[in-house]
Amino acid sequence: MAAKIFIFAPLSEVLWDMKALTKFELALPQLKEGLNRLAYEVDREFFTRLDQDLINEGSFEVAIGLEKRGELIMLNIEHCGHLVVNCDRCAEQIMMPNEGETQLMIKLVEIPRMDDEVTYIQKGTEVLDLSPFIFEAISLALPLVNTYACKEDPEAPCNQEVLKILEGKSELSNKDSLLGDKLKNLNLEFKK
């Protein structure tokens, strides 16, 4: 049997806005069969409430499409926004764009178990906290390297002194390379 792909509404077509809520909890008994849409704004407060050290600050719009069919809930989480991080090249604080889409499957069962493909939740659960799923969607879209396109932006927040050192155009980097050349020429022999 071929797997079905669920496509939910894009971020701009969300039906209602839940930014006034302080918690990201969903009352499962009130969840209607079929497609449900939610929208959240995620900011620094969201990341500090979670027990994690990966993301400290950011601002995102998150749209969640939930399709409930009996004991199965399909989640489609879309996020768009930015993280505030230190640049890996020049160490200045930058706003790194981050967007993505994640699909998750939740199944209500009598006895929950662990699985990489499906999240199992015990039948009768009253409240589903969406915050771990939102955090996972954002963290899965994190870049491996946080760098800013300094040369493309004339108003870049980059530390120009550090960039000059990295490019070898600074007096400091020239002195370091002279010292390095002298150290290379040393003949060090160690006796055993």
N, C-alpha and C. Protein backbone atom coordinates (compact mmCIF):
# COMPACT_ATOMS: atom_id res chain seq x y z
N MET A 1 0.85 -1.18 0.00
CA MET A 1 0.00 0.00 0.00
C MET A 1 0.89 1.24 0.00
N ALA A 2 0.65 2.17 -0.88
CA ALA A 2 1.46 3.38 -1.00
C ALA A 2 1.15 4.35 0.15
N ALA A 3 2.20 5.02 0.61
CA ALA A 3 2.03 6.00 1.68
C ALA A 3 1.33 7.25 1.14
N LYS A 4 0.46 7.83 1.94
CA LYS A 4 -0.22 9.05 1.54
C LYS A 4 0.54 10.25 2.05
N ILE A 5 0.58 11.30 1.26
CA ILE A 5 1.23 12.54 1.65
C ILE A 5 0.13 13.55 1.96
N PHE A 6 0.23 14.17 3.13
CA PHE A 6 -0.76 15.15 3.54
C PHE A 6 -0.20 16.54 3.30
N ILE A 7 -0.94 17.34 2.59
CA ILE A 7 -0.52 18.71 2.33
C ILE A 7 -1.51 19.63 3.04
N PHE A 8 -0.99 20.47 3.92
CA PHE A 8 -1.83 21.38 4.68
C PHE A 8 -1.69 22.79 4.12
N ALA A 9 -2.50 23.69 4.63
CA ALA A 9 -2.50 25.07 4.16
C ALA A 9 -1.18 25.75 4.47
N PRO A 10 -0.69 26.61 3.57
CA PRO A 10 0.52 27.36 3.86
C PRO A 10 0.31 28.35 5.00
N LEU A 11 1.41 28.88 5.49
CA LEU A 11 1.41 29.76 6.65
C LEU A 11 0.41 30.92 6.51
N SER A 12 0.24 31.44 5.31
CA SER A 12 -0.61 32.61 5.11
C SER A 12 -2.10 32.28 5.14
N GLU A 13 -2.49 30.99 5.12
CA GLU A 13 -3.89 30.62 5.07
C GLU A 13 -4.42 30.02 6.38
N VAL A 14 -3.82 30.39 7.49
CA VAL A 14 -4.22 29.83 8.78
C VAL A 14 -5.58 30.40 9.18
N LEU A 15 -6.44 29.56 9.75
CA LEU A 15 -7.80 29.97 10.06
C LEU A 15 -7.94 30.84 11.30
N TRP A 16 -7.22 30.52 12.38
CA TRP A 16 -7.34 31.34 13.58
C TRP A 16 -5.98 31.51 14.23
N ASP A 17 -5.90 32.49 15.08
CA ASP A 17 -4.64 32.88 15.67
C ASP A 17 -4.67 32.59 17.16
N MET A 18 -3.65 31.88 17.67
CA MET A 18 -3.62 31.54 19.09
C MET A 18 -2.49 32.26 19.81
N LYS A 19 -2.04 33.40 19.29
CA LYS A 19 -0.90 34.08 19.91
C LYS A 19 -1.20 34.57 21.31
N ALA A 20 -2.47 34.72 21.66
CA ALA A 20 -2.81 35.19 23.00
C ALA A 20 -2.62 34.09 24.05
N LEU A 21 -2.57 32.84 23.64
CA LEU A 21 -2.39 31.75 24.60
C LEU A 21 -0.97 31.76 25.16
N THR A 22 -0.85 31.44 26.43
CA THR A 22 0.48 31.37 27.02
C THR A 22 1.04 29.96 26.96
N LYS A 23 0.20 28.98 26.74
CA LYS A 23 0.66 27.59 26.65
C LYS A 23 0.30 27.04 25.28
N PHE A 24 1.05 26.06 24.87
CA PHE A 24 0.86 25.45 23.57
C PHE A 24 0.18 24.09 23.74
N GLU A 25 -0.88 24.07 24.53
CA GLU A 25 -1.56 22.83 24.84
C GLU A 25 -2.84 22.70 24.03
N LEU A 26 -3.12 21.48 23.62
CA LEU A 26 -4.27 21.18 22.80
C LEU A 26 -5.16 20.20 23.56
N ALA A 27 -6.42 20.53 23.72
CA ALA A 27 -7.36 19.64 24.40
C ALA A 27 -7.79 18.56 23.41
N LEU A 28 -7.28 17.36 23.58
CA LEU A 28 -7.55 16.28 22.63
C LEU A 28 -9.03 15.90 22.52
N PRO A 29 -9.79 15.84 23.62
CA PRO A 29 -11.21 15.47 23.47
C PRO A 29 -12.01 16.46 22.61
N GLN A 30 -11.61 17.73 22.57
CA GLN A 30 -12.33 18.73 21.79
C GLN A 30 -11.84 18.81 20.34
N LEU A 31 -10.79 18.09 19.99
CA LEU A 31 -10.24 18.13 18.64
C LEU A 31 -11.22 17.47 17.67
N LYS A 32 -11.66 18.22 16.66
CA LYS A 32 -12.63 17.72 15.69
C LYS A 32 -11.97 16.73 14.72
N GLU A 33 -12.75 15.80 14.23
CA GLU A 33 -12.30 14.93 13.14
C GLU A 33 -12.04 15.80 11.91
N GLY A 34 -11.08 15.43 11.12
CA GLY A 34 -10.76 16.19 9.91
C GLY A 34 -9.63 17.17 10.16
N LEU A 35 -9.56 18.19 9.32
CA LEU A 35 -8.46 19.15 9.35
C LEU A 35 -8.71 20.27 10.34
N ASN A 36 -7.75 20.53 11.20
CA ASN A 36 -7.77 21.64 12.16
C ASN A 36 -6.51 22.46 11.92
N ARG A 37 -6.62 23.78 12.03
CA ARG A 37 -5.46 24.64 11.80
C ARG A 37 -5.23 25.54 13.00
N LEU A 38 -3.95 25.70 13.36
CA LEU A 38 -3.56 26.54 14.49
C LEU A 38 -2.43 27.45 14.06
N ALA A 39 -2.30 28.59 14.70
CA ALA A 39 -1.19 29.51 14.43
C ALA A 39 -0.62 30.01 15.75
N TYR A 40 0.68 30.09 15.82
CA TYR A 40 1.37 30.56 17.01
C TYR A 40 2.45 31.54 16.64
N GLU A 41 2.79 32.40 17.57
CA GLU A 41 4.00 33.21 17.50
C GLU A 41 4.92 32.69 18.59
N VAL A 42 6.13 32.36 18.20
CA VAL A 42 7.12 31.80 19.12
C VAL A 42 8.24 32.82 19.26
N ASP A 43 8.63 33.10 20.52
CA ASP A 43 9.69 34.08 20.75
C ASP A 43 10.62 33.59 21.86
N ARG A 44 11.43 34.50 22.36
CA ARG A 44 12.42 34.17 23.39
C ARG A 44 11.80 33.45 24.60
N GLU A 45 10.63 33.90 25.02
CA GLU A 45 9.96 33.30 26.18
C GLU A 45 9.71 31.80 25.95
N PHE A 46 9.31 31.45 24.74
CA PHE A 46 9.06 30.04 24.40
C PHE A 46 10.33 29.21 24.60
N PHE A 47 11.47 29.71 24.09
CA PHE A 47 12.72 28.94 24.16
C PHE A 47 13.26 28.87 25.59
N THR A 48 13.06 29.91 26.39
CA THR A 48 13.56 29.89 27.76
C THR A 48 12.72 28.99 28.66
N ARG A 49 11.44 28.79 28.32
CA ARG A 49 10.58 27.89 29.11
C ARG A 49 10.94 26.42 28.92
N LEU A 50 11.52 26.10 27.79
CA LEU A 50 11.87 24.71 27.52
C LEU A 50 13.20 24.37 28.20
N ASP A 51 13.36 23.13 28.57
CA ASP A 51 14.59 22.67 29.20
C ASP A 51 15.58 22.26 28.10
N GLN A 52 16.25 23.27 27.51
CA GLN A 52 17.17 23.02 26.41
C GLN A 52 18.19 24.16 26.34
N ASP A 53 19.33 23.89 25.70
CA ASP A 53 20.38 24.90 25.55
C ASP A 53 20.70 25.20 24.10
N LEU A 54 19.97 24.63 23.17
CA LEU A 54 20.28 24.76 21.75
C LEU A 54 19.92 26.13 21.20
N ILE A 55 18.74 26.64 21.56
CA ILE A 55 18.26 27.93 21.04
C ILE A 55 17.91 28.82 22.22
N ASN A 56 18.48 30.02 22.24
CA ASN A 56 18.20 30.95 23.32
C ASN A 56 17.22 32.04 22.93
N GLU A 57 17.31 32.47 21.68
CA GLU A 57 16.47 33.59 21.27
C GLU A 57 16.11 33.46 19.80
N GLY A 58 14.88 33.85 19.49
CA GLY A 58 14.41 33.83 18.11
C GLY A 58 12.98 34.32 18.05
N SER A 59 12.49 34.49 16.83
CA SER A 59 11.12 34.93 16.63
C SER A 59 10.58 34.20 15.41
N PHE A 60 9.45 33.51 15.59
CA PHE A 60 8.90 32.69 14.51
C PHE A 60 7.39 32.78 14.45
N GLU A 61 6.87 32.63 13.25
CA GLU A 61 5.46 32.36 13.05
C GLU A 61 5.37 30.88 12.77
N VAL A 62 4.47 30.20 13.45
CA VAL A 62 4.32 28.75 13.30
C VAL A 62 2.87 28.45 12.94
N ALA A 63 2.70 27.67 11.87
CA ALA A 63 1.37 27.22 11.47
C ALA A 63 1.34 25.70 11.60
N ILE A 64 0.29 25.20 12.23
CA ILE A 64 0.16 23.76 12.42
C ILE A 64 -1.15 23.30 11.81
N GLY A 65 -1.03 22.32 10.95
CA GLY A 65 -2.21 21.66 10.41
C GLY A 65 -2.32 20.30 11.09
N LEU A 66 -3.45 20.02 11.70
CA LEU A 66 -3.68 18.74 12.37
C LEU A 66 -4.83 18.05 11.65
N GLU A 67 -4.59 16.86 11.20
CA GLU A 67 -5.67 16.09 10.60
C GLU A 67 -5.93 14.89 11.49
N LYS A 68 -7.13 14.87 12.07
CA LYS A 68 -7.49 13.78 12.98
C LYS A 68 -8.39 12.81 12.24
N ARG A 69 -7.99 11.53 12.31
CA ARG A 69 -8.80 10.46 11.74
C ARG A 69 -8.81 9.31 12.74
N GLY A 70 -9.85 9.29 13.55
CA GLY A 70 -9.96 8.25 14.57
C GLY A 70 -8.85 8.39 15.60
N GLU A 71 -8.03 7.35 15.71
CA GLU A 71 -6.94 7.32 16.69
C GLU A 71 -5.62 7.87 16.12
N LEU A 72 -5.66 8.41 14.91
CA LEU A 72 -4.45 8.90 14.24
C LEU A 72 -4.54 10.41 14.06
N ILE A 73 -3.46 11.11 14.40
CA ILE A 73 -3.37 12.56 14.20
C ILE A 73 -2.11 12.83 13.37
N MET A 74 -2.30 13.47 12.23
CA MET A 74 -1.17 13.87 11.39
C MET A 74 -0.91 15.36 11.65
N LEU A 75 0.33 15.70 11.97
CA LEU A 75 0.71 17.09 12.21
C LEU A 75 1.62 17.56 11.09
N ASN A 76 1.34 18.73 10.57
CA ASN A 76 2.22 19.39 9.61
C ASN A 76 2.58 20.74 10.24
N ILE A 77 3.84 20.90 10.59
CA ILE A 77 4.30 22.11 11.27
C ILE A 77 5.17 22.92 10.32
N GLU A 78 4.74 24.14 10.03
CA GLU A 78 5.52 25.06 9.21
C GLU A 78 5.98 26.21 10.09
N HIS A 79 7.24 26.60 9.94
CA HIS A 79 7.73 27.75 10.70
C HIS A 79 8.55 28.65 9.80
N CYS A 80 8.52 29.94 10.13
CA CYS A 80 9.28 30.94 9.37
C CYS A 80 9.66 32.05 10.34
N GLY A 81 10.94 32.38 10.38
CA GLY A 81 11.40 33.44 11.27
C GLY A 81 12.90 33.51 11.30
N HIS A 82 13.44 33.86 12.47
CA HIS A 82 14.90 33.98 12.60
C HIS A 82 15.34 33.62 14.02
N LEU A 83 16.60 33.24 14.11
CA LEU A 83 17.26 32.98 15.39
C LEU A 83 18.26 34.08 15.63
N VAL A 84 18.52 34.39 16.87
CA VAL A 84 19.59 35.32 17.22
C VAL A 84 20.75 34.45 17.71
N VAL A 85 21.85 34.46 16.95
CA VAL A 85 23.01 33.61 17.24
C VAL A 85 24.29 34.41 17.06
N ASN A 86 25.39 33.86 17.54
CA ASN A 86 26.70 34.45 17.27
C ASN A 86 27.23 33.86 15.98
N CYS A 87 27.75 34.73 15.12
CA CYS A 87 28.31 34.31 13.84
C CYS A 87 29.54 33.43 14.11
N ASP A 88 29.62 32.30 13.43
CA ASP A 88 30.77 31.40 13.58
C ASP A 88 32.03 31.96 12.93
N ARG A 89 31.88 32.96 12.07
CA ARG A 89 33.03 33.55 11.40
C ARG A 89 33.61 34.73 12.19
N CYS A 90 32.77 35.68 12.60
CA CYS A 90 33.30 36.90 13.23
C CYS A 90 32.85 37.08 14.68
N ALA A 91 32.02 36.20 15.21
CA ALA A 91 31.55 36.19 16.60
C ALA A 91 30.56 37.31 16.95
N GLU A 92 30.10 38.08 15.97
CA GLU A 92 29.08 39.10 16.23
C GLU A 92 27.71 38.45 16.31
N GLN A 93 26.80 39.09 17.02
CA GLN A 93 25.44 38.58 17.11
C GLN A 93 24.70 38.89 15.80
N ILE A 94 24.07 37.88 15.22
CA ILE A 94 23.38 38.04 13.94
C ILE A 94 21.98 37.43 14.04
N MET A 95 21.10 37.85 13.13
CA MET A 95 19.78 37.24 13.01
C MET A 95 19.84 36.28 11.83
N MET A 96 19.76 34.98 12.14
CA MET A 96 19.88 33.93 11.14
C MET A 96 18.48 33.50 10.70
N PRO A 97 18.14 33.67 9.40
CA PRO A 97 16.83 33.20 8.94
C PRO A 97 16.70 31.69 9.12
N ASN A 98 15.48 31.25 9.41
CA ASN A 98 15.24 29.83 9.61
C ASN A 98 13.79 29.55 9.24
N GLU A 99 13.59 28.62 8.34
CA GLU A 99 12.24 28.21 7.99
C GLU A 99 12.24 26.74 7.61
N GLY A 100 11.09 26.13 7.73
CA GLY A 100 11.02 24.72 7.40
C GLY A 100 9.63 24.16 7.61
N GLU A 101 9.52 22.88 7.29
CA GLU A 101 8.26 22.17 7.42
C GLU A 101 8.56 20.76 7.90
N THR A 102 7.77 20.29 8.86
CA THR A 102 7.96 18.97 9.45
C THR A 102 6.61 18.27 9.55
N GLN A 103 6.60 16.99 9.22
CA GLN A 103 5.40 16.19 9.37
C GLN A 103 5.63 15.17 10.48
N LEU A 104 4.61 15.00 11.31
CA LEU A 104 4.66 14.04 12.41
C LEU A 104 3.37 13.23 12.45
N MET A 105 3.48 12.02 12.94
CA MET A 105 2.31 11.17 13.09
C MET A 105 2.18 10.82 14.56
N ILE A 106 0.98 11.03 15.10
CA ILE A 106 0.68 10.69 16.50
C ILE A 106 -0.44 9.66 16.49
N LYS A 107 -0.24 8.62 17.27
CA LYS A 107 -1.25 7.57 17.33
C LYS A 107 -1.65 7.36 18.79
N LEU A 108 -2.97 7.34 19.03
CA LEU A 108 -3.49 7.07 20.36
C LEU A 108 -3.64 5.56 20.53
N VAL A 109 -2.99 5.02 21.55
CA VAL A 109 -2.97 3.57 21.76
C VAL A 109 -3.20 3.25 23.24
N GLU A 110 -3.50 1.99 23.53
CA GLU A 110 -3.70 1.55 24.91
C GLU A 110 -2.39 1.57 25.70
N ILE A 111 -1.31 1.06 25.08
CA ILE A 111 0.00 1.00 25.75
C ILE A 111 1.01 1.74 24.87
N PRO A 112 1.44 2.96 25.28
CA PRO A 112 2.42 3.71 24.47
C PRO A 112 3.76 2.98 24.37
N ARG A 113 4.42 3.18 23.27
CA ARG A 113 5.75 2.61 23.06
C ARG A 113 6.59 3.60 22.28
N MET A 114 7.89 3.34 22.22
CA MET A 114 8.83 4.23 21.53
C MET A 114 8.98 3.79 20.07
N ASP A 115 9.06 4.77 19.18
CA ASP A 115 9.25 4.50 17.76
C ASP A 115 9.80 5.77 17.12
N ASP A 116 10.68 5.61 16.16
CA ASP A 116 11.25 6.77 15.47
C ASP A 116 10.26 7.41 14.50
N GLU A 117 9.35 6.63 13.96
CA GLU A 117 8.44 7.10 12.93
C GLU A 117 7.14 7.69 13.47
N VAL A 118 6.67 7.18 14.62
CA VAL A 118 5.36 7.55 15.16
C VAL A 118 5.51 7.91 16.63
N THR A 119 4.77 8.93 17.06
CA THR A 119 4.68 9.26 18.48
C THR A 119 3.42 8.61 19.02
N TYR A 120 3.58 7.72 19.99
CA TYR A 120 2.44 7.01 20.58
C TYR A 120 2.04 7.68 21.89
N ILE A 121 0.75 7.95 22.01
CA ILE A 121 0.20 8.59 23.22
C ILE A 121 -0.92 7.69 23.73
N GLN A 122 -1.00 7.58 25.05
CA GLN A 122 -2.02 6.71 25.65
C GLN A 122 -3.42 7.27 25.42
N LYS A 123 -4.34 6.37 25.04
CA LYS A 123 -5.74 6.76 24.88
C LYS A 123 -6.23 7.35 26.19
N GLY A 124 -7.08 8.34 26.11
CA GLY A 124 -7.60 8.99 27.30
C GLY A 124 -6.78 10.20 27.71
N THR A 125 -5.66 10.44 27.04
CA THR A 125 -4.87 11.64 27.34
C THR A 125 -5.72 12.86 27.04
N GLU A 126 -5.81 13.75 28.00
CA GLU A 126 -6.67 14.93 27.86
C GLU A 126 -6.00 16.07 27.10
N VAL A 127 -4.69 16.27 27.36
CA VAL A 127 -4.00 17.44 26.82
C VAL A 127 -2.73 17.01 26.10
N LEU A 128 -2.52 17.57 24.93
CA LEU A 128 -1.29 17.34 24.16
C LEU A 128 -0.53 18.65 24.11
N ASP A 129 0.69 18.67 24.64
CA ASP A 129 1.55 19.85 24.62
C ASP A 129 2.28 19.88 23.29
N LEU A 130 2.00 20.90 22.48
CA LEU A 130 2.61 21.01 21.15
C LEU A 130 4.00 21.62 21.18
N SER A 131 4.42 22.21 22.30
CA SER A 131 5.71 22.91 22.34
C SER A 131 6.90 22.01 22.00
N PRO A 132 6.99 20.75 22.46
CA PRO A 132 8.14 19.93 22.04
C PRO A 132 8.16 19.67 20.54
N PHE A 133 6.99 19.55 19.92
CA PHE A 133 6.93 19.31 18.48
C PHE A 133 7.35 20.56 17.71
N ILE A 134 6.92 21.73 18.19
CA ILE A 134 7.31 23.00 17.56
C ILE A 134 8.82 23.19 17.69
N PHE A 135 9.35 22.96 18.89
CA PHE A 135 10.79 23.10 19.10
C PHE A 135 11.57 22.14 18.20
N GLU A 136 11.12 20.91 18.10
CA GLU A 136 11.81 19.93 17.26
C GLU A 136 11.81 20.38 15.79
N ALA A 137 10.69 20.90 15.31
CA ALA A 137 10.62 21.36 13.92
C ALA A 137 11.61 22.49 13.66
N ILE A 138 11.71 23.44 14.59
CA ILE A 138 12.64 24.55 14.42
C ILE A 138 14.08 24.06 14.53
N SER A 139 14.37 23.22 15.51
CA SER A 139 15.75 22.77 15.71
C SER A 139 16.23 21.87 14.57
N LEU A 140 15.33 21.12 13.93
CA LEU A 140 15.74 20.29 12.80
C LEU A 140 16.14 21.12 11.59
N ALA A 141 15.69 22.37 11.54
CA ALA A 141 16.03 23.25 10.42
C ALA A 141 17.23 24.14 10.71
N LEU A 142 17.90 23.93 11.85
CA LEU A 142 19.06 24.75 12.18
C LEU A 142 20.20 24.49 11.20
N PRO A 143 20.91 25.53 10.80
CA PRO A 143 22.06 25.31 9.92
C PRO A 143 23.23 24.71 10.71
N LEU A 144 24.12 24.02 10.02
CA LEU A 144 25.30 23.46 10.68
C LEU A 144 26.28 24.57 11.08
N VAL A 145 26.32 25.63 10.25
CA VAL A 145 27.23 26.74 10.49
C VAL A 145 26.43 28.04 10.48
N ASN A 146 26.64 28.87 11.48
CA ASN A 146 25.97 30.17 11.57
C ASN A 146 26.89 31.25 11.03
N THR A 147 26.68 31.63 9.78
CA THR A 147 27.46 32.72 9.21
C THR A 147 26.54 33.68 8.48
N TYR A 148 26.96 34.92 8.42
CA TYR A 148 26.21 35.97 7.76
C TYR A 148 26.87 36.25 6.42
N ALA A 149 26.09 36.56 5.41
CA ALA A 149 26.63 36.90 4.09
C ALA A 149 27.16 38.33 4.13
N CYS A 150 28.32 38.51 4.78
CA CYS A 150 28.89 39.84 5.03
C CYS A 150 29.16 40.64 3.76
N LYS A 151 29.69 39.97 2.77
CA LYS A 151 30.11 40.67 1.54
C LYS A 151 28.92 41.12 0.71
N GLU A 152 27.77 40.50 0.90
CA GLU A 152 26.58 40.85 0.13
C GLU A 152 25.76 41.97 0.76
N ASP A 153 26.02 42.30 2.01
CA ASP A 153 25.23 43.29 2.74
C ASP A 153 26.14 44.43 3.18
N PRO A 154 25.96 45.63 2.61
CA PRO A 154 26.81 46.76 3.01
C PRO A 154 26.59 47.18 4.47
N GLU A 155 25.44 46.84 5.06
CA GLU A 155 25.16 47.17 6.45
C GLU A 155 25.24 45.93 7.34
N ALA A 156 26.11 45.03 7.00
CA ALA A 156 26.24 43.77 7.75
C ALA A 156 26.67 44.05 9.19
N PRO A 157 26.17 43.25 10.14
CA PRO A 157 26.52 43.43 11.54
C PRO A 157 27.88 42.83 11.89
N CYS A 158 28.66 42.49 10.90
CA CYS A 158 29.90 41.74 11.10
C CYS A 158 31.00 42.57 11.75
N ASN A 159 31.88 41.88 12.48
CA ASN A 159 33.05 42.49 13.10
C ASN A 159 34.14 42.57 12.04
N GLN A 160 34.34 43.76 11.48
CA GLN A 160 35.26 43.95 10.36
C GLN A 160 36.71 43.65 10.73
N GLU A 161 37.09 43.93 11.98
CA GLU A 161 38.47 43.65 12.41
C GLU A 161 38.76 42.15 12.38
N VAL A 162 37.81 41.36 12.86
CA VAL A 162 37.99 39.91 12.85
C VAL A 162 38.04 39.40 11.40
N LEU A 163 37.19 39.95 10.54
CA LEU A 163 37.19 39.52 9.14
C LEU A 163 38.51 39.85 8.46
N LYS A 164 39.09 41.01 8.78
CA LYS A 164 40.40 41.37 8.21
C LYS A 164 41.47 40.39 8.66
N ILE A 165 41.43 40.00 9.92
CA ILE A 165 42.40 39.03 10.43
C ILE A 165 42.22 37.69 9.71
N LEU A 166 41.00 37.28 9.53
CA LEU A 166 40.73 36.01 8.85
C LEU A 166 41.18 36.03 7.39
N GLU A 167 41.07 37.19 6.76
CA GLU A 167 41.48 37.32 5.36
C GLU A 167 42.97 37.59 5.23
N GLY A 168 43.67 37.78 6.35
CA GLY A 168 45.11 38.04 6.31
C GLY A 168 45.47 39.45 5.90
N LYS A 169 44.55 40.40 6.07
CA LYS A 169 44.79 41.79 5.67
C LYS A 169 45.10 42.69 6.85
N SER A 170 45.35 42.14 8.00
CA SER A 170 45.58 42.94 9.19
C SER A 170 47.03 42.85 9.61
N GLU A 171 47.51 43.88 10.28
CA GLU A 171 48.89 43.87 10.79
C GLU A 171 49.08 42.71 11.76
N LEU A 172 48.08 42.45 12.57
CA LEU A 172 48.14 41.36 13.53
C LEU A 172 48.31 40.02 12.83
N SER A 173 47.54 39.78 11.76
CA SER A 173 47.64 38.50 11.07
C SER A 173 48.99 38.39 10.34
N ASN A 174 49.54 39.51 9.86
CA ASN A 174 50.85 39.48 9.20
C ASN A 174 51.94 39.13 10.20
N LYS A 175 51.85 39.69 11.42
CA LYS A 175 52.82 39.37 12.47
C LYS A 175 52.72 37.89 12.84
N ASP A 176 51.50 37.39 12.95
CA ASP A 176 51.31 35.98 13.28
C ASP A 176 51.89 35.07 12.21
N SER A 177 51.72 35.45 10.94
CA SER A 177 52.24 34.58 9.88
C SER A 177 53.77 34.62 9.87
N LEU A 178 54.39 35.78 10.19
CA LEU A 178 55.85 35.84 10.28
C LEU A 178 56.35 34.95 11.41
N LEU A 179 55.68 34.99 12.54
CA LEU A 179 56.04 34.15 13.67
C LEU A 179 55.88 32.67 13.29
N GLY A 180 54.79 32.37 12.61
CA GLY A 180 54.55 31.00 12.16
C GLY A 180 55.64 30.52 11.22
N ASP A 181 56.08 31.38 10.31
CA ASP A 181 57.15 31.01 9.37
C ASP A 181 58.44 30.71 10.13
N LYS A 182 58.74 31.52 11.14
CA LYS A 182 59.96 31.30 11.92
C LYS A 182 59.88 29.99 12.70
N LEU A 183 58.69 29.68 13.25
CA LEU A 183 58.54 28.44 13.99
C LEU A 183 58.67 27.22 13.08
N LYS A 184 58.23 27.33 11.85
CA LYS A 184 58.35 26.22 10.91
C LYS A 184 59.82 25.90 10.62
N ASN A 185 60.65 26.93 10.63
CA ASN A 185 62.07 26.74 10.28
C ASN A 185 62.89 26.19 11.43
N LEU A 186 62.32 26.10 12.62
CA LEU A 186 63.06 25.54 13.75
C LEU A 186 63.29 24.05 13.54
N ASN A 187 64.48 23.61 13.87
CA ASN A 187 64.79 22.19 13.74
C ASN A 187 64.78 21.61 15.14
N LEU A 188 63.70 20.99 15.50
CA LEU A 188 63.58 20.42 16.83
C LEU A 188 63.72 18.91 16.74
N GLU A 189 64.73 18.39 17.40
CA GLU A 189 64.90 16.94 17.45
C GLU A 189 64.76 16.50 18.89
N PHE A 190 63.95 15.50 19.07
CA PHE A 190 63.71 14.99 20.41
C PHE A 190 64.43 13.66 20.57
N LYS A 191 65.12 13.53 21.69
CA LYS A 191 65.82 12.27 21.98
C LYS A 191 64.88 11.36 22.74
N LYS A 192 64.97 10.07 22.41
CA LYS A 192 64.13 9.10 23.09
C LYS A 192 64.77 8.55 24.31
